[in-house]
Amino acid sequence: MTIVNVHEAKTHLSRLLERVEQGEEVVIARNNRPIARLVAHAAPERQPGSLRGCIRIAEDFDDPLPDELVDAFRG
């Protein structure tokens, strides 16, 4: 864990973020008191099939569009 003061964090933010991306934890302190902690963002795990039954596709989804609608898109 790295501890830096606010001024150093402002000056070297890009460098500190690189450390965080590599898995290191960075604490930002003011007057030697920790006020914030930088940690890597953990993306939530996706669960395949978790939306099964929640999404419905219309039977005519793949049918050609009506001519008047196609003409409206073409101008």
PDB file of N, CA and C in Angstrom:
ATOM      1  N   MET A   1       0.853  -1.177   0.000  1.00  0.00           N
ATOM      2  CA  MET A   1       0.000   0.000   0.000  1.00  0.00           C
ATOM      3  C   MET A   1       0.898   1.239   0.000  1.00  0.00           C
ATOM      4  N   THR A   2       0.549   2.187  -0.855  1.00  0.00           N
ATOM      5  CA  THR A   2       1.276   3.443  -0.959  1.00  0.00           C
ATOM      6  C   THR A   2       0.439   4.549  -0.329  1.00  0.00           C
ATOM      7  N   ILE A   3       1.065   5.417   0.455  1.00  0.00           N
ATOM      8  CA  ILE A   3       0.374   6.565   1.048  1.00  0.00           C
ATOM      9  C   ILE A   3       1.001   7.829   0.477  1.00  0.00           C
ATOM     10  N   VAL A   4       0.157   8.706  -0.059  1.00  0.00           N
ATOM     11  CA  VAL A   4       0.631   9.969  -0.636  1.00  0.00           C
ATOM     12  C   VAL A   4      -0.205  11.113  -0.086  1.00  0.00           C
ATOM     13  N   ASN A   5       0.377  12.317  -0.088  1.00  0.00           N
ATOM     14  CA  ASN A   5      -0.403  13.473   0.346  1.00  0.00           C
ATOM     15  C   ASN A   5      -1.215  14.005  -0.840  1.00  0.00           C
ATOM     16  N   VAL A   6      -2.129  14.906  -0.565  1.00  0.00           N
ATOM     17  CA  VAL A   6      -3.034  15.423  -1.590  1.00  0.00           C
ATOM     18  C   VAL A   6      -2.259  16.085  -2.723  1.00  0.00           C
ATOM     19  N   HIS A   7      -1.271  16.880  -2.404  1.00  0.00           N
ATOM     20  CA  HIS A   7      -0.491  17.565  -3.440  1.00  0.00           C
ATOM     21  C   HIS A   7       0.183  16.556  -4.365  1.00  0.00           C
ATOM     22  N   GLU A   8       0.794  15.546  -3.787  1.00  0.00           N
ATOM     23  CA  GLU A   8       1.460  14.519  -4.598  1.00  0.00           C
ATOM     24  C   GLU A   8       0.443  13.759  -5.453  1.00  0.00           C
ATOM     25  N   ALA A   9      -0.735  13.495  -4.906  1.00  0.00           N
ATOM     26  CA  ALA A   9      -1.774  12.797  -5.666  1.00  0.00           C
ATOM     27  C   ALA A   9      -2.219  13.633  -6.862  1.00  0.00           C
ATOM     28  N   LYS A  10      -2.378  14.941  -6.660  1.00  0.00           N
ATOM     29  CA  LYS A  10      -2.770  15.822  -7.764  1.00  0.00           C
ATOM     30  C   LYS A  10      -1.681  15.885  -8.827  1.00  0.00           C
ATOM     31  N   THR A  11      -0.448  15.932  -8.388  1.00  0.00           N
ATOM     32  CA  THR A  11       0.678  16.067  -9.309  1.00  0.00           C
ATOM     33  C   THR A  11       0.939  14.788 -10.098  1.00  0.00           C
ATOM     34  N   HIS A  12       0.746  13.641  -9.469  1.00  0.00           N
ATOM     35  CA  HIS A  12       1.126  12.361 -10.079  1.00  0.00           C
ATOM     36  C   HIS A  12      -0.059  11.408 -10.223  1.00  0.00           C
ATOM     37  N   LEU A  13      -1.240  11.945 -10.481  1.00  0.00           N
ATOM     38  CA  LEU A  13      -2.435  11.096 -10.536  1.00  0.00           C
ATOM     39  C   LEU A  13      -2.306   9.978 -11.570  1.00  0.00           C
ATOM     40  N   SER A  14      -1.820  10.288 -12.762  1.00  0.00           N
ATOM     41  CA  SER A  14      -1.694   9.255 -13.799  1.00  0.00           C
ATOM     42  C   SER A  14      -0.792   8.118 -13.331  1.00  0.00           C
ATOM     43  N   ARG A  15       0.304   8.462 -12.714  1.00  0.00           N
ATOM     44  CA  ARG A  15       1.240   7.449 -12.217  1.00  0.00           C
ATOM     45  C   ARG A  15       0.592   6.598 -11.120  1.00  0.00           C
ATOM     46  N   LEU A  16      -0.169   7.250 -10.248  1.00  0.00           N
ATOM     47  CA  LEU A  16      -0.842   6.514  -9.179  1.00  0.00           C
ATOM     48  C   LEU A  16      -1.910   5.582  -9.744  1.00  0.00           C
ATOM     49  N   LEU A  17      -2.621   6.040 -10.767  1.00  0.00           N
ATOM     50  CA  LEU A  17      -3.643   5.191 -11.379  1.00  0.00           C
ATOM     51  C   LEU A  17      -3.021   3.970 -12.046  1.00  0.00           C
ATOM     52  N   GLU A  18      -1.844   4.121 -12.608  1.00  0.00           N
ATOM     53  CA  GLU A  18      -1.144   2.968 -13.185  1.00  0.00           C
ATOM     54  C   GLU A  18      -0.843   1.933 -12.101  1.00  0.00           C
ATOM     55  N   ARG A  19      -0.435   2.400 -10.934  1.00  0.00           N
ATOM     56  CA  ARG A  19      -0.169   1.482  -9.822  1.00  0.00           C
ATOM     57  C   ARG A  19      -1.446   0.758  -9.400  1.00  0.00           C
ATOM     58  N   VAL A  20      -2.543   1.515  -9.353  1.00  0.00           N
ATOM     59  CA  VAL A  20      -3.822   0.920  -8.973  1.00  0.00           C
ATOM     60  C   VAL A  20      -4.230  -0.139  -9.995  1.00  0.00           C
ATOM     61  N   GLU A  21      -4.034   0.147 -11.282  1.00  0.00           N
ATOM     62  CA  GLU A  21      -4.364  -0.828 -12.325  1.00  0.00           C
ATOM     63  C   GLU A  21      -3.563  -2.116 -12.163  1.00  0.00           C
ATOM     64  N   GLN A  22      -2.382  -2.012 -11.590  1.00  0.00           N
ATOM     65  CA  GLN A  22      -1.533  -3.186 -11.377  1.00  0.00           C
ATOM     66  C   GLN A  22      -1.874  -3.911 -10.073  1.00  0.00           C
ATOM     67  N   GLY A  23      -2.906  -3.430  -9.385  1.00  0.00           N
ATOM     68  CA  GLY A  23      -3.376  -4.113  -8.188  1.00  0.00           C
ATOM     69  C   GLY A  23      -2.941  -3.502  -6.871  1.00  0.00           C
ATOM     70  N   GLU A  24      -2.188  -2.427  -6.923  1.00  0.00           N
ATOM     71  CA  GLU A  24      -1.725  -1.784  -5.691  1.00  0.00           C
ATOM     72  C   GLU A  24      -2.812  -0.858  -5.149  1.00  0.00           C
ATOM     73  N   GLU A  25      -2.858  -0.729  -3.844  1.00  0.00           N
ATOM     74  CA  GLU A  25      -3.793   0.184  -3.199  1.00  0.00           C
ATOM     75  C   GLU A  25      -3.052   1.471  -2.865  1.00  0.00           C
ATOM     76  N   VAL A  26      -3.689   2.616  -3.133  1.00  0.00           N
ATOM     77  CA  VAL A  26      -3.082   3.918  -2.858  1.00  0.00           C
ATOM     78  C   VAL A  26      -4.001   4.679  -1.907  1.00  0.00           C
ATOM     79  N   VAL A  27      -3.427   5.184  -0.826  1.00  0.00           N
ATOM     80  CA  VAL A  27      -4.180   5.978   0.147  1.00  0.00           C
ATOM     81  C   VAL A  27      -3.732   7.427   0.012  1.00  0.00           C
ATOM     82  N   ILE A  28      -4.710   8.323  -0.049  1.00  0.00           N
ATOM     83  CA  ILE A  28      -4.423   9.759  -0.116  1.00  0.00           C
ATOM     84  C   ILE A  28      -4.683  10.340   1.274  1.00  0.00           C
ATOM     85  N   ALA A  29      -3.700  11.082   1.782  1.00  0.00           N
ATOM     86  CA  ALA A  29      -3.795  11.619   3.138  1.00  0.00           C
ATOM     87  C   ALA A  29      -3.667  13.139   3.127  1.00  0.00           C
ATOM     88  N   ARG A  30      -4.304  13.752   4.114  1.00  0.00           N
ATOM     89  CA  ARG A  30      -4.167  15.193   4.350  1.00  0.00           C
ATOM     90  C   ARG A  30      -3.733  15.347   5.807  1.00  0.00           C
ATOM     91  N   ASN A  31      -2.627  16.047   6.008  1.00  0.00           N
ATOM     92  CA  ASN A  31      -2.070  16.207   7.363  1.00  0.00           C
ATOM     93  C   ASN A  31      -1.849  14.845   8.027  1.00  0.00           C
ATOM     94  N   ASN A  32      -1.344  13.911   7.247  1.00  0.00           N
ATOM     95  CA  ASN A  32      -1.039  12.548   7.715  1.00  0.00           C
ATOM     96  C   ASN A  32      -2.264  11.757   8.156  1.00  0.00           C
ATOM     97  N   ARG A  33      -3.456  12.221   7.773  1.00  0.00           N
ATOM     98  CA  ARG A  33      -4.684  11.478   8.078  1.00  0.00           C
ATOM     99  C   ARG A  33      -5.260  10.949   6.772  1.00  0.00           C
ATOM    100  N   PRO A  34      -5.456   9.644   6.649  1.00  0.00           N
ATOM    101  CA  PRO A  34      -6.028   9.086   5.423  1.00  0.00           C
ATOM    102  C   PRO A  34      -7.421   9.652   5.162  1.00  0.00           C
ATOM    103  N   ILE A  35      -7.654  10.107   3.921  1.00  0.00           N
ATOM    104  CA  ILE A  35      -8.975  10.645   3.578  1.00  0.00           C
ATOM    105  C   ILE A  35      -9.611   9.908   2.401  1.00  0.00           C
ATOM    106  N   ALA A  36      -8.806   9.182   1.619  1.00  0.00           N
ATOM    107  CA  ALA A  36      -9.363   8.460   0.472  1.00  0.00           C
ATOM    108  C   ALA A  36      -8.474   7.268   0.148  1.00  0.00           C
ATOM    109  N   ARG A  37      -9.100   6.293  -0.502  1.00  0.00           N
ATOM    110  CA  ARG A  37      -8.369   5.093  -0.897  1.00  0.00           C
ATOM    111  C   ARG A  37      -8.676   4.821  -2.361  1.00  0.00           C
ATOM    112  N   LEU A  38      -7.623   4.675  -3.170  1.00  0.00           N
ATOM    113  CA  LEU A  38      -7.783   4.339  -4.582  1.00  0.00           C
ATOM    114  C   LEU A  38      -7.567   2.839  -4.742  1.00  0.00           C
ATOM    115  N   VAL A  39      -8.569   2.172  -5.269  1.00  0.00           N
ATOM    116  CA  VAL A  39      -8.464   0.735  -5.536  1.00  0.00           C
ATOM    117  C   VAL A  39      -9.018   0.474  -6.928  1.00  0.00           C
ATOM    118  N   ALA A  40      -8.595  -0.614  -7.536  1.00  0.00           N
ATOM    119  CA  ALA A  40      -9.075  -0.959  -8.867  1.00  0.00           C
ATOM    120  C   ALA A  40     -10.568  -1.259  -8.824  1.00  0.00           C
ATOM    121  N   HIS A  41     -11.251  -0.854  -9.870  1.00  0.00           N
ATOM    122  CA  HIS A  41     -12.682  -1.113  -9.990  1.00  0.00           C
ATOM    123  C   HIS A  41     -12.888  -2.572 -10.361  1.00  0.00           C
ATOM    124  N   ALA A  42     -13.694  -3.268  -9.612  1.00  0.00           N
ATOM    125  CA  ALA A  42     -13.976  -4.672  -9.903  1.00  0.00           C
ATOM    126  C   ALA A  42     -15.267  -4.754 -10.707  1.00  0.00           C
ATOM    127  N   ALA A  43     -15.144  -5.172 -11.948  1.00  0.00           N
ATOM    128  CA  ALA A  43     -16.331  -5.317 -12.797  1.00  0.00           C
ATOM    129  C   ALA A  43     -17.163  -6.496 -12.286  1.00  0.00           C
ATOM    130  N   PRO A  44     -18.471  -6.326 -12.217  1.00  0.00           N
ATOM    131  CA  PRO A  44     -19.311  -7.434 -11.751  1.00  0.00           C
ATOM    132  C   PRO A  44     -19.248  -8.599 -12.739  1.00  0.00           C
ATOM    133  N   GLU A  45     -19.295  -9.803 -12.204  1.00  0.00           N
ATOM    134  CA  GLU A  45     -19.284 -10.975 -13.068  1.00  0.00           C
ATOM    135  C   GLU A  45     -20.628 -11.101 -13.759  1.00  0.00           C
ATOM    136  N   ARG A  46     -20.576 -11.403 -15.055  1.00  0.00           N
ATOM    137  CA  ARG A  46     -21.805 -11.583 -15.821  1.00  0.00           C
ATOM    138  C   ARG A  46     -22.265 -13.030 -15.672  1.00  0.00           C
ATOM    139  N   GLN A  47     -23.545 -13.198 -15.502  1.00  0.00           N
ATOM    140  CA  GLN A  47     -24.124 -14.520 -15.347  1.00  0.00           C
ATOM    141  C   GLN A  47     -24.863 -14.904 -16.626  1.00  0.00           C
ATOM    142  N   PRO A  48     -24.300 -15.810 -17.427  1.00  0.00           N
ATOM    143  CA  PRO A  48     -24.997 -16.229 -18.647  1.00  0.00           C
ATOM    144  C   PRO A  48     -26.379 -16.784 -18.315  1.00  0.00           C
ATOM    145  N   GLY A  49     -27.351 -16.331 -19.076  1.00  0.00           N
ATOM    146  CA  GLY A  49     -28.713 -16.819 -18.891  1.00  0.00           C
ATOM    147  C   GLY A  49     -29.489 -16.125 -17.801  1.00  0.00           C
ATOM    148  N   SER A  50     -28.921 -15.100 -17.177  1.00  0.00           N
ATOM    149  CA  SER A  50     -29.609 -14.457 -16.055  1.00  0.00           C
ATOM    150  C   SER A  50     -30.853 -13.683 -16.482  1.00  0.00           C
ATOM    151  N   LEU A  51     -30.969 -13.355 -17.771  1.00  0.00           N
ATOM    152  CA  LEU A  51     -32.158 -12.639 -18.254  1.00  0.00           C
ATOM    153  C   LEU A  51     -33.133 -13.554 -18.992  1.00  0.00           C
ATOM    154  N   ARG A  52     -32.898 -14.852 -18.908  1.00  0.00           N
ATOM    155  CA  ARG A  52     -33.787 -15.793 -19.586  1.00  0.00           C
ATOM    156  C   ARG A  52     -35.219 -15.579 -19.113  1.00  0.00           C
ATOM    157  N   GLY A  53     -36.116 -15.446 -20.067  1.00  0.00           N
ATOM    158  CA  GLY A  53     -37.521 -15.232 -19.750  1.00  0.00           C
ATOM    159  C   GLY A  53     -37.886 -13.770 -19.553  1.00  0.00           C
ATOM    160  N   CYS A  54     -36.913 -12.878 -19.522  1.00  0.00           N
ATOM    161  CA  CYS A  54     -37.179 -11.455 -19.314  1.00  0.00           C
ATOM    162  C   CYS A  54     -37.250 -10.680 -20.628  1.00  0.00           C
ATOM    163  N   ILE A  55     -36.704 -11.248 -21.674  1.00  0.00           N
ATOM    164  CA  ILE A  55     -36.660 -10.550 -22.956  1.00  0.00           C
ATOM    165  C   ILE A  55     -37.513 -11.309 -23.955  1.00  0.00           C
ATOM    166  N   ARG A  56     -38.357 -10.589 -24.663  1.00  0.00           N
ATOM    167  CA  ARG A  56     -39.233 -11.204 -25.647  1.00  0.00           C
ATOM    168  C   ARG A  56     -38.980 -10.563 -26.997  1.00  0.00           C
ATOM    169  N   ILE A  57     -38.796 -11.399 -28.017  1.00  0.00           N
ATOM    170  CA  ILE A  57     -38.610 -10.911 -29.381  1.00  0.00           C
ATOM    171  C   ILE A  57     -39.877 -11.227 -30.156  1.00  0.00           C
ATOM    172  N   ALA A  58     -40.416 -10.221 -30.818  1.00  0.00           N
ATOM    173  CA  ALA A  58     -41.666 -10.385 -31.558  1.00  0.00           C
ATOM    174  C   ALA A  58     -41.503 -11.425 -32.663  1.00  0.00           C
ATOM    175  N   GLU A  59     -42.575 -12.148 -32.945  1.00  0.00           N
ATOM    176  CA  GLU A  59     -42.567 -13.173 -33.989  1.00  0.00           C
ATOM    177  C   GLU A  59     -42.175 -12.594 -35.341  1.00  0.00           C
ATOM    178  N   ASP A  60     -42.594 -11.356 -35.608  1.00  0.00           N
ATOM    179  CA  ASP A  60     -42.331 -10.749 -36.918  1.00  0.00           C
ATOM    180  C   ASP A  60     -41.039  -9.915 -36.931  1.00  0.00           C
ATOM    181  N   PHE A  61     -40.154 -10.159 -35.999  1.00  0.00           N
ATOM    182  CA  PHE A  61     -38.927  -9.374 -35.870  1.00  0.00           C
ATOM    183  C   PHE A  61     -38.121  -9.336 -37.164  1.00  0.00           C
ATOM    184  N   ASP A  62     -38.000 -10.468 -37.839  1.00  0.00           N
ATOM    185  CA  ASP A  62     -37.190 -10.558 -39.055  1.00  0.00           C
ATOM    186  C   ASP A  62     -37.970 -10.265 -40.335  1.00  0.00           C
ATOM    187  N   ASP A  63     -39.250  -9.993 -40.229  1.00  0.00           N
ATOM    188  CA  ASP A  63     -40.054  -9.712 -41.428  1.00  0.00           C
ATOM    189  C   ASP A  63     -39.616  -8.391 -42.055  1.00  0.00           C
ATOM    190  N   PRO A  64     -39.762  -8.270 -43.376  1.00  0.00           N
ATOM    191  CA  PRO A  64     -39.427  -7.002 -44.038  1.00  0.00           C
ATOM    192  C   PRO A  64     -40.300  -5.863 -43.502  1.00  0.00           C
ATOM    193  N   LEU A  65     -39.738  -4.669 -43.499  1.00  0.00           N
ATOM    194  CA  LEU A  65     -40.494  -3.493 -43.058  1.00  0.00           C
ATOM    195  C   LEU A  65     -41.490  -3.093 -44.134  1.00  0.00           C
ATOM    196  N   PRO A  66     -42.600  -2.477 -43.742  1.00  0.00           N
ATOM    197  CA  PRO A  66     -43.558  -1.978 -44.739  1.00  0.00           C
ATOM    198  C   PRO A  66     -42.891  -0.927 -45.633  1.00  0.00           C
ATOM    199  N   ASP A  67     -43.303  -0.882 -46.902  1.00  0.00           N
ATOM    200  CA  ASP A  67     -42.705   0.045 -47.866  1.00  0.00           C
ATOM    201  C   ASP A  67     -42.778   1.499 -47.404  1.00  0.00           C
ATOM    202  N   GLU A  68     -43.897   1.894 -46.806  1.00  0.00           N
ATOM    203  CA  GLU A  68     -44.032   3.291 -46.385  1.00  0.00           C
ATOM    204  C   GLU A  68     -43.021   3.650 -45.285  1.00  0.00           C
ATOM    205  N   LEU A  69     -42.679   2.702 -44.447  1.00  0.00           N
ATOM    206  CA  LEU A  69     -41.682   2.957 -43.411  1.00  0.00           C
ATOM    207  C   LEU A  69     -40.282   3.045 -44.023  1.00  0.00           C
ATOM    208  N   VAL A  70     -39.986   2.171 -44.962  1.00  0.00           N
ATOM    209  CA  VAL A  70     -38.698   2.217 -45.650  1.00  0.00           C
ATOM    210  C   VAL A  70     -38.559   3.543 -46.389  1.00  0.00           C
ATOM    211  N   ASP A  71     -39.630   3.973 -47.070  1.00  0.00           N
ATOM    212  CA  ASP A  71     -39.613   5.250 -47.792  1.00  0.00           C
ATOM    213  C   ASP A  71     -39.391   6.421 -46.837  1.00  0.00           C
ATOM    214  N   ALA A  72     -39.973   6.350 -45.645  1.00  0.00           N
ATOM    215  CA  ALA A  72     -39.810   7.426 -44.663  1.00  0.00           C
ATOM    216  C   ALA A  72     -38.342   7.540 -44.227  1.00  0.00           C
ATOM    217  N   PHE A  73     -37.665   6.419 -44.097  1.00  0.00           N
ATOM    218  CA  PHE A  73     -36.251   6.450 -43.733  1.00  0.00           C
ATOM    219  C   PHE A  73     -35.392   7.015 -44.851  1.00  0.00           C
ATOM    220  N   ARG A  74     -35.747   6.710 -46.065  1.00  0.00           N
ATOM    221  CA  ARG A  74     -34.965   7.165 -47.215  1.00  0.00           C
ATOM    222  C   ARG A  74     -35.248   8.620 -47.564  1.00  0.00           C
ATOM    223  N   GLY A  75     -36.337   9.138 -47.066  1.00  0.00           N
ATOM    224  CA  GLY A  75     -36.658  10.543 -47.302  1.00  0.00           C
ATOM    225  C   GLY A  75     -37.401  10.704 -48.548  1.00  0.00           C
TER     226      GLY A  75
END
